Amino acid sequence: MDQTNSTDKKATSILNALVDLGTAWAAHGLDAGKLSLESSARILTKTAHTLETLARDLESKGGRAAHKPDAHSGV
């Protein structure tokens, strides 16, 4: 019975170590995902601002004229 108890303790110890390792890897993966999403959000925000600036520049330089129908295309 003493050997069974010792085997159970070893198995429990190994199981706890595996759970701890899995938890650590999961936390690391979630942190990496968070950082990746934050980086993507910053890049998308900068891109959106750039597109907005480009749109404003086009409007101020007569971009509205580009919306007039074209005599050749009939549009």
PDB file of N, CA and C in Angstrom:
ATOM      1  N   MET A   1       0.823  -1.187   0.000  1.00  0.00           N
ATOM      2  CA  MET A   1       0.000   0.000   0.000  1.00  0.00           C
ATOM      3  C   MET A   1       0.866   1.247   0.000  1.00  0.00           C
ATOM      4  N   ASP A   2       2.016   1.167   0.630  1.00  0.00           N
ATOM      5  CA  ASP A   2       2.918   2.311   0.701  1.00  0.00           C
ATOM      6  C   ASP A   2       3.439   2.674  -0.689  1.00  0.00           C
ATOM      7  N   GLN A   3       3.686   1.621  -1.516  1.00  0.00           N
ATOM      8  CA  GLN A   3       4.174   1.855  -2.870  1.00  0.00           C
ATOM      9  C   GLN A   3       3.076   2.481  -3.733  1.00  0.00           C
ATOM     10  N   THR A   4       1.831   2.085  -3.562  1.00  0.00           N
ATOM     11  CA  THR A   4       0.713   2.660  -4.301  1.00  0.00           C
ATOM     12  C   THR A   4       0.563   4.127  -3.965  1.00  0.00           C
ATOM     13  N   ASN A   5       0.692   4.470  -2.707  1.00  0.00           N
ATOM     14  CA  ASN A   5       0.594   5.866  -2.259  1.00  0.00           C
ATOM     15  C   ASN A   5       1.728   6.697  -2.861  1.00  0.00           C
ATOM     16  N   SER A   6       2.913   6.128  -2.921  1.00  0.00           N
ATOM     17  CA  SER A   6       4.063   6.824  -3.494  1.00  0.00           C
ATOM     18  C   SER A   6       3.870   7.043  -4.995  1.00  0.00           C
ATOM     19  N   THR A   7       3.341   6.037  -5.678  1.00  0.00           N
ATOM     20  CA  THR A   7       3.079   6.140  -7.113  1.00  0.00           C
ATOM     21  C   THR A   7       2.012   7.196  -7.378  1.00  0.00           C
ATOM     22  N   ASP A   8       0.980   7.224  -6.569  1.00  0.00           N
ATOM     23  CA  ASP A   8      -0.074   8.231  -6.709  1.00  0.00           C
ATOM     24  C   ASP A   8       0.477   9.643  -6.517  1.00  0.00           C
ATOM     25  N   LYS A   9       1.368   9.804  -5.551  1.00  0.00           N
ATOM     26  CA  LYS A   9       1.961  11.128  -5.295  1.00  0.00           C
ATOM     27  C   LYS A   9       2.813  11.569  -6.483  1.00  0.00           C
ATOM     28  N   LYS A  10       3.562  10.617  -7.058  1.00  0.00           N
ATOM     29  CA  LYS A  10       4.393  10.946  -8.221  1.00  0.00           C
ATOM     30  C   LYS A  10       3.518  11.314  -9.416  1.00  0.00           C
ATOM     31  N   ALA A  11       2.459  10.545  -9.624  1.00  0.00           N
ATOM     32  CA  ALA A  11       1.555  10.828 -10.733  1.00  0.00           C
ATOM     33  C   ALA A  11       0.892  12.185 -10.556  1.00  0.00           C
ATOM     34  N   THR A  12       0.469  12.483  -9.340  1.00  0.00           N
ATOM     35  CA  THR A  12      -0.150  13.779  -9.047  1.00  0.00           C
ATOM     36  C   THR A  12       0.849  14.905  -9.264  1.00  0.00           C
ATOM     37  N   SER A  13       2.081  14.677  -8.859  1.00  0.00           N
ATOM     38  CA  SER A  13       3.125  15.690  -9.041  1.00  0.00           C
ATOM     39  C   SER A  13       3.381  15.951 -10.523  1.00  0.00           C
ATOM     40  N   ILE A  14       3.452  14.890 -11.315  1.00  0.00           N
ATOM     41  CA  ILE A  14       3.665  15.035 -12.762  1.00  0.00           C
ATOM     42  C   ILE A  14       2.474  15.733 -13.399  1.00  0.00           C
ATOM     43  N   LEU A  15       1.279  15.341 -13.000  1.00  0.00           N
ATOM     44  CA  LEU A  15       0.074  15.963 -13.544  1.00  0.00           C
ATOM     45  C   LEU A  15       0.039  17.456 -13.210  1.00  0.00           C
ATOM     46  N   ASN A  16       0.364  17.806 -11.977  1.00  0.00           N
ATOM     47  CA  ASN A  16       0.389  19.221 -11.583  1.00  0.00           C
ATOM     48  C   ASN A  16       1.432  20.000 -12.378  1.00  0.00           C
ATOM     49  N   ALA A  17       2.591  19.375 -12.615  1.00  0.00           N
ATOM     50  CA  ALA A  17       3.635  20.037 -13.398  1.00  0.00           C
ATOM     51  C   ALA A  17       3.167  20.274 -14.834  1.00  0.00           C
ATOM     52  N   LEU A  18       2.470  19.281 -15.409  1.00  0.00           N
ATOM     53  CA  LEU A  18       1.962  19.432 -16.779  1.00  0.00           C
ATOM     54  C   LEU A  18       0.891  20.522 -16.855  1.00  0.00           C
ATOM     55  N   VAL A  19       0.027  20.572 -15.863  1.00  0.00           N
ATOM     56  CA  VAL A  19      -1.006  21.614 -15.834  1.00  0.00           C
ATOM     57  C   VAL A  19      -0.359  22.989 -15.704  1.00  0.00           C
ATOM     58  N   ASP A  20       0.640  23.106 -14.838  1.00  0.00           N
ATOM     59  CA  ASP A  20       1.341  24.386 -14.674  1.00  0.00           C
ATOM     60  C   ASP A  20       2.033  24.806 -15.966  1.00  0.00           C
ATOM     61  N   LEU A  21       2.676  23.848 -16.635  1.00  0.00           N
ATOM     62  CA  LEU A  21       3.357  24.137 -17.899  1.00  0.00           C
ATOM     63  C   LEU A  21       2.359  24.558 -18.970  1.00  0.00           C
ATOM     64  N   GLY A  22       1.251  23.842 -19.066  1.00  0.00           N
ATOM     65  CA  GLY A  22       0.215  24.195 -20.037  1.00  0.00           C
ATOM     66  C   GLY A  22      -0.373  25.564 -19.765  1.00  0.00           C
ATOM     67  N   THR A  23      -0.576  25.871 -18.489  1.00  0.00           N
ATOM     68  CA  THR A  23      -1.100  27.185 -18.106  1.00  0.00           C
ATOM     69  C   THR A  23      -0.115  28.289 -18.467  1.00  0.00           C
ATOM     70  N   ALA A  24       1.157  28.047 -18.231  1.00  0.00           N
ATOM     71  CA  ALA A  24       2.183  29.044 -18.565  1.00  0.00           C
ATOM     72  C   ALA A  24       2.222  29.299 -20.067  1.00  0.00           C
ATOM     73  N   TRP A  25       2.165  28.225 -20.872  1.00  0.00           N
ATOM     74  CA  TRP A  25       2.170  28.383 -22.329  1.00  0.00           C
ATOM     75  C   TRP A  25       0.923  29.104 -22.818  1.00  0.00           C
ATOM     76  N   ALA A  26      -0.226  28.789 -22.218  1.00  0.00           N
ATOM     77  CA  ALA A  26      -1.467  29.458 -22.614  1.00  0.00           C
ATOM     78  C   ALA A  26      -1.389  30.945 -22.301  1.00  0.00           C
ATOM     79  N   ALA A  27      -0.876  31.292 -21.129  1.00  0.00           N
ATOM     80  CA  ALA A  27      -0.737  32.700 -20.757  1.00  0.00           C
ATOM     81  C   ALA A  27       0.219  33.412 -21.715  1.00  0.00           C
ATOM     82  N   HIS A  28       1.307  32.747 -22.065  1.00  0.00           N
ATOM     83  CA  HIS A  28       2.267  33.332 -23.006  1.00  0.00           C
ATOM     84  C   HIS A  28       1.616  33.563 -24.370  1.00  0.00           C
ATOM     85  N   GLY A  29       0.874  32.580 -24.843  1.00  0.00           N
ATOM     86  CA  GLY A  29       0.197  32.706 -26.136  1.00  0.00           C
ATOM     87  C   GLY A  29      -0.819  33.834 -26.131  1.00  0.00           C
ATOM     88  N   LEU A  30      -1.559  33.971 -25.047  1.00  0.00           N
ATOM     89  CA  LEU A  30      -2.542  35.055 -24.948  1.00  0.00           C
ATOM     90  C   LEU A  30      -1.860  36.423 -24.911  1.00  0.00           C
ATOM     91  N   ASP A  31      -0.739  36.512 -24.198  1.00  0.00           N
ATOM     92  CA  ASP A  31       0.008  37.772 -24.178  1.00  0.00           C
ATOM     93  C   ASP A  31       0.532  38.123 -25.571  1.00  0.00           C
ATOM     94  N   ALA A  32       1.053  37.126 -26.283  1.00  0.00           N
ATOM     95  CA  ALA A  32       1.562  37.354 -27.639  1.00  0.00           C
ATOM     96  C   ALA A  32       0.418  37.784 -28.566  1.00  0.00           C
ATOM     97  N   GLY A  33      -0.731  37.167 -28.433  1.00  0.00           N
ATOM     98  CA  GLY A  33      -1.891  37.550 -29.235  1.00  0.00           C
ATOM     99  C   GLY A  33      -2.334  38.969 -28.952  1.00  0.00           C
ATOM    100  N   LYS A  34      -2.330  39.341 -27.683  1.00  0.00           N
ATOM    101  CA  LYS A  34      -2.703  40.701 -27.284  1.00  0.00           C
ATOM    102  C   LYS A  34      -1.756  41.720 -27.907  1.00  0.00           C
ATOM    103  N   LEU A  35      -0.457  41.459 -27.809  1.00  0.00           N
ATOM    104  CA  LEU A  35       0.522  42.382 -28.381  1.00  0.00           C
ATOM    105  C   LEU A  35       0.371  42.487 -29.898  1.00  0.00           C
ATOM    106  N   SER A  36       0.107  41.372 -30.537  1.00  0.00           N
ATOM    107  CA  SER A  36      -0.080  41.379 -31.985  1.00  0.00           C
ATOM    108  C   SER A  36      -1.305  42.196 -32.377  1.00  0.00           C
ATOM    109  N   LEU A  37      -2.407  42.019 -31.662  1.00  0.00           N
ATOM    110  CA  LEU A  37      -3.623  42.782 -31.963  1.00  0.00           C
ATOM    111  C   LEU A  37      -3.425  44.271 -31.713  1.00  0.00           C
ATOM    112  N   GLU A  38      -2.721  44.616 -30.636  1.00  0.00           N
ATOM    113  CA  GLU A  38      -2.458  46.033 -30.353  1.00  0.00           C
ATOM    114  C   GLU A  38      -1.604  46.655 -31.442  1.00  0.00           C
ATOM    115  N   SER A  39      -0.616  45.910 -31.912  1.00  0.00           N
ATOM    116  CA  SER A  39       0.240  46.403 -32.993  1.00  0.00           C
ATOM    117  C   SER A  39      -0.570  46.600 -34.274  1.00  0.00           C
ATOM    118  N   SER A  40      -1.406  45.634 -34.590  1.00  0.00           N
ATOM    119  CA  SER A  40      -2.251  45.748 -35.782  1.00  0.00           C
ATOM    120  C   SER A  40      -3.195  46.938 -35.668  1.00  0.00           C
ATOM    121  N   ALA A  41      -3.737  47.155 -34.481  1.00  0.00           N
ATOM    122  CA  ALA A  41      -4.653  48.283 -34.279  1.00  0.00           C
ATOM    123  C   ALA A  41      -3.932  49.607 -34.500  1.00  0.00           C
ATOM    124  N   ARG A  42      -2.691  49.707 -34.007  1.00  0.00           N
ATOM    125  CA  ARG A  42      -1.926  50.947 -34.218  1.00  0.00           C
ATOM    126  C   ARG A  42      -1.673  51.181 -35.705  1.00  0.00           C
ATOM    127  N   ILE A  43      -1.308  50.129 -36.409  1.00  0.00           N
ATOM    128  CA  ILE A  43      -1.034  50.251 -37.842  1.00  0.00           C
ATOM    129  C   ILE A  43      -2.305  50.628 -38.600  1.00  0.00           C
ATOM    130  N   LEU A  44      -3.420  49.992 -38.265  1.00  0.00           N
ATOM    131  CA  LEU A  44      -4.682  50.310 -38.934  1.00  0.00           C
ATOM    132  C   LEU A  44      -5.132  51.735 -38.639  1.00  0.00           C
ATOM    133  N   THR A  45      -4.904  52.204 -37.419  1.00  0.00           N
ATOM    134  CA  THR A  45      -5.256  53.580 -37.069  1.00  0.00           C
ATOM    135  C   THR A  45      -4.425  54.567 -37.885  1.00  0.00           C
ATOM    136  N   LYS A  46      -3.130  54.302 -38.004  1.00  0.00           N
ATOM    137  CA  LYS A  46      -2.267  55.173 -38.807  1.00  0.00           C
ATOM    138  C   LYS A  46      -2.701  55.161 -40.278  1.00  0.00           C
ATOM    139  N   THR A  47      -3.039  53.982 -40.780  1.00  0.00           N
ATOM    140  CA  THR A  47      -3.489  53.863 -42.167  1.00  0.00           C
ATOM    141  C   THR A  47      -4.789  54.626 -42.372  1.00  0.00           C
ATOM    142  N   ALA A  48      -5.708  54.526 -41.422  1.00  0.00           N
ATOM    143  CA  ALA A  48      -6.978  55.245 -41.521  1.00  0.00           C
ATOM    144  C   ALA A  48      -6.744  56.752 -41.539  1.00  0.00           C
ATOM    145  N   HIS A  49      -5.845  57.227 -40.690  1.00  0.00           N
ATOM    146  CA  HIS A  49      -5.542  58.664 -40.682  1.00  0.00           C
ATOM    147  C   HIS A  49      -4.905  59.100 -42.003  1.00  0.00           C
ATOM    148  N   THR A  50      -4.046  58.268 -42.545  1.00  0.00           N
ATOM    149  CA  THR A  50      -3.417  58.580 -43.830  1.00  0.00           C
ATOM    150  C   THR A  50      -4.466  58.664 -44.935  1.00  0.00           C
ATOM    151  N   LEU A  51      -5.394  57.715 -44.949  1.00  0.00           N
ATOM    152  CA  LEU A  51      -6.458  57.738 -45.952  1.00  0.00           C
ATOM    153  C   LEU A  51      -7.349  58.970 -45.784  1.00  0.00           C
ATOM    154  N   GLU A  52      -7.624  59.331 -44.553  1.00  0.00           N
ATOM    155  CA  GLU A  52      -8.426  60.525 -44.304  1.00  0.00           C
ATOM    156  C   GLU A  52      -7.701  61.778 -44.807  1.00  0.00           C
ATOM    157  N   THR A  53      -6.408  61.875 -44.532  1.00  0.00           N
ATOM    158  CA  THR A  53      -5.620  63.009 -45.005  1.00  0.00           C
ATOM    159  C   THR A  53      -5.611  63.062 -46.530  1.00  0.00           C
ATOM    160  N   LEU A  54      -5.444  61.923 -47.161  1.00  0.00           N
ATOM    161  CA  LEU A  54      -5.451  61.856 -48.623  1.00  0.00           C
ATOM    162  C   LEU A  54      -6.801  62.300 -49.175  1.00  0.00           C
ATOM    163  N   ALA A  55      -7.878  61.853 -48.551  1.00  0.00           N
ATOM    164  CA  ALA A  55      -9.218  62.252 -48.995  1.00  0.00           C
ATOM    165  C   ALA A  55      -9.407  63.754 -48.865  1.00  0.00           C
ATOM    166  N   ARG A  56      -8.957  64.330 -47.761  1.00  0.00           N
ATOM    167  CA  ARG A  56      -9.093  65.787 -47.556  1.00  0.00           C
ATOM    168  C   ARG A  56      -8.254  66.555 -48.579  1.00  0.00           C
ATOM    169  N   ASP A  57      -7.045  66.047 -48.863  1.00  0.00           N
ATOM    170  CA  ASP A  57      -6.184  66.695 -49.862  1.00  0.00           C
ATOM    171  C   ASP A  57      -6.837  66.653 -51.244  1.00  0.00           C
ATOM    172  N   LEU A  58      -7.416  65.519 -51.591  1.00  0.00           N
ATOM    173  CA  LEU A  58      -8.083  65.407 -52.889  1.00  0.00           C
ATOM    174  C   LEU A  58      -9.275  66.350 -52.976  1.00  0.00           C
ATOM    175  N   GLU A  59     -10.047  66.447 -51.909  1.00  0.00           N
ATOM    176  CA  GLU A  59     -11.200  67.355 -51.896  1.00  0.00           C
ATOM    177  C   GLU A  59     -10.753  68.803 -52.052  1.00  0.00           C
ATOM    178  N   SER A  60      -9.679  69.168 -51.374  1.00  0.00           N
ATOM    179  CA  SER A  60      -9.224  70.555 -51.424  1.00  0.00           C
ATOM    180  C   SER A  60      -8.571  70.914 -52.760  1.00  0.00           C
ATOM    181  N   LYS A  61      -8.135  69.920 -53.520  1.00  0.00           N
ATOM    182  CA  LYS A  61      -7.492  70.161 -54.812  1.00  0.00           C
ATOM    183  C   LYS A  61      -8.462  69.955 -55.972  1.00  0.00           C
ATOM    184  N   GLY A  62      -9.742  69.989 -55.683  1.00  0.00           N
ATOM    185  CA  GLY A  62     -10.719  69.878 -56.757  1.00  0.00           C
ATOM    186  C   GLY A  62     -11.126  68.460 -57.054  1.00  0.00           C
ATOM    187  N   GLY A  63     -11.019  67.594 -56.097  1.00  0.00           N
ATOM    188  CA  GLY A  63     -11.413  66.209 -56.291  1.00  0.00           C
ATOM    189  C   GLY A  63     -12.885  66.065 -56.590  1.00  0.00           C
ATOM    190  N   ARG A  64     -13.676  67.062 -56.241  1.00  0.00           N
ATOM    191  CA  ARG A  64     -15.111  67.006 -56.517  1.00  0.00           C
ATOM    192  C   ARG A  64     -15.374  67.025 -58.021  1.00  0.00           C
ATOM    193  N   ALA A  65     -14.485  67.640 -58.791  1.00  0.00           N
ATOM    194  CA  ALA A  65     -14.657  67.687 -60.236  1.00  0.00           C
ATOM    195  C   ALA A  65     -14.597  66.276 -60.824  1.00  0.00           C
ATOM    196  N   ALA A  66     -13.913  65.376 -60.156  1.00  0.00           N
ATOM    197  CA  ALA A  66     -13.806  64.007 -60.651  1.00  0.00           C
ATOM    198  C   ALA A  66     -15.139  63.284 -60.563  1.00  0.00           C
ATOM    199  N   HIS A  67     -16.071  63.806 -59.808  1.00  0.00           N
ATOM    200  CA  HIS A  67     -17.383  63.173 -59.671  1.00  0.00           C
ATOM    201  C   HIS A  67     -18.360  63.626 -60.751  1.00  0.00           C
ATOM    202  N   LYS A  68     -17.987  64.624 -61.568  1.00  0.00           N
ATOM    203  CA  LYS A  68     -18.853  65.098 -62.631  1.00  0.00           C
ATOM    204  C   LYS A  68     -18.908  64.072 -63.742  1.00  0.00           C
ATOM    205  N   PRO A  69     -20.041  63.968 -64.432  1.00  0.00           N
ATOM    206  CA  PRO A  69     -20.145  62.992 -65.531  1.00  0.00           C
ATOM    207  C   PRO A  69     -19.112  63.259 -66.613  1.00  0.00           C
ATOM    208  N   ASP A  70     -18.601  62.214 -67.177  1.00  0.00           N
ATOM    209  CA  ASP A  70     -17.632  62.309 -68.260  1.00  0.00           C
ATOM    210  C   ASP A  70     -18.393  62.342 -69.579  1.00  0.00           C
ATOM    211  N   ALA A  71     -18.059  63.317 -70.419  1.00  0.00           N
ATOM    212  CA  ALA A  71     -18.784  63.487 -71.674  1.00  0.00           C
ATOM    213  C   ALA A  71     -18.580  62.294 -72.607  1.00  0.00           C
ATOM    214  N   HIS A  72     -17.432  61.619 -72.517  1.00  0.00           N
ATOM    215  CA  HIS A  72     -17.137  60.499 -73.399  1.00  0.00           C
ATOM    216  C   HIS A  72     -17.759  59.202 -72.924  1.00  0.00           C
ATOM    217  N   SER A  73     -17.867  59.026 -71.641  1.00  0.00           N
ATOM    218  CA  SER A  73     -18.372  57.740 -71.137  1.00  0.00           C
ATOM    219  C   SER A  73     -19.866  57.762 -70.902  1.00  0.00           C
ATOM    220  N   GLY A  74     -20.452  58.951 -70.801  1.00  0.00           N
ATOM    221  CA  GLY A  74     -21.873  59.064 -70.560  1.00  0.00           C
ATOM    222  C   GLY A  74     -22.237  58.840 -69.112  1.00  0.00           C
ATOM    223  N   VAL A  75     -21.252  58.766 -68.257  1.00  0.00           N
ATOM    224  CA  VAL A  75     -21.482  58.522 -66.831  1.00  0.00           C
ATOM    225  C   VAL A  75     -21.579  59.829 -66.084  1.00  0.00           C
TER     226      VAL A  75
END
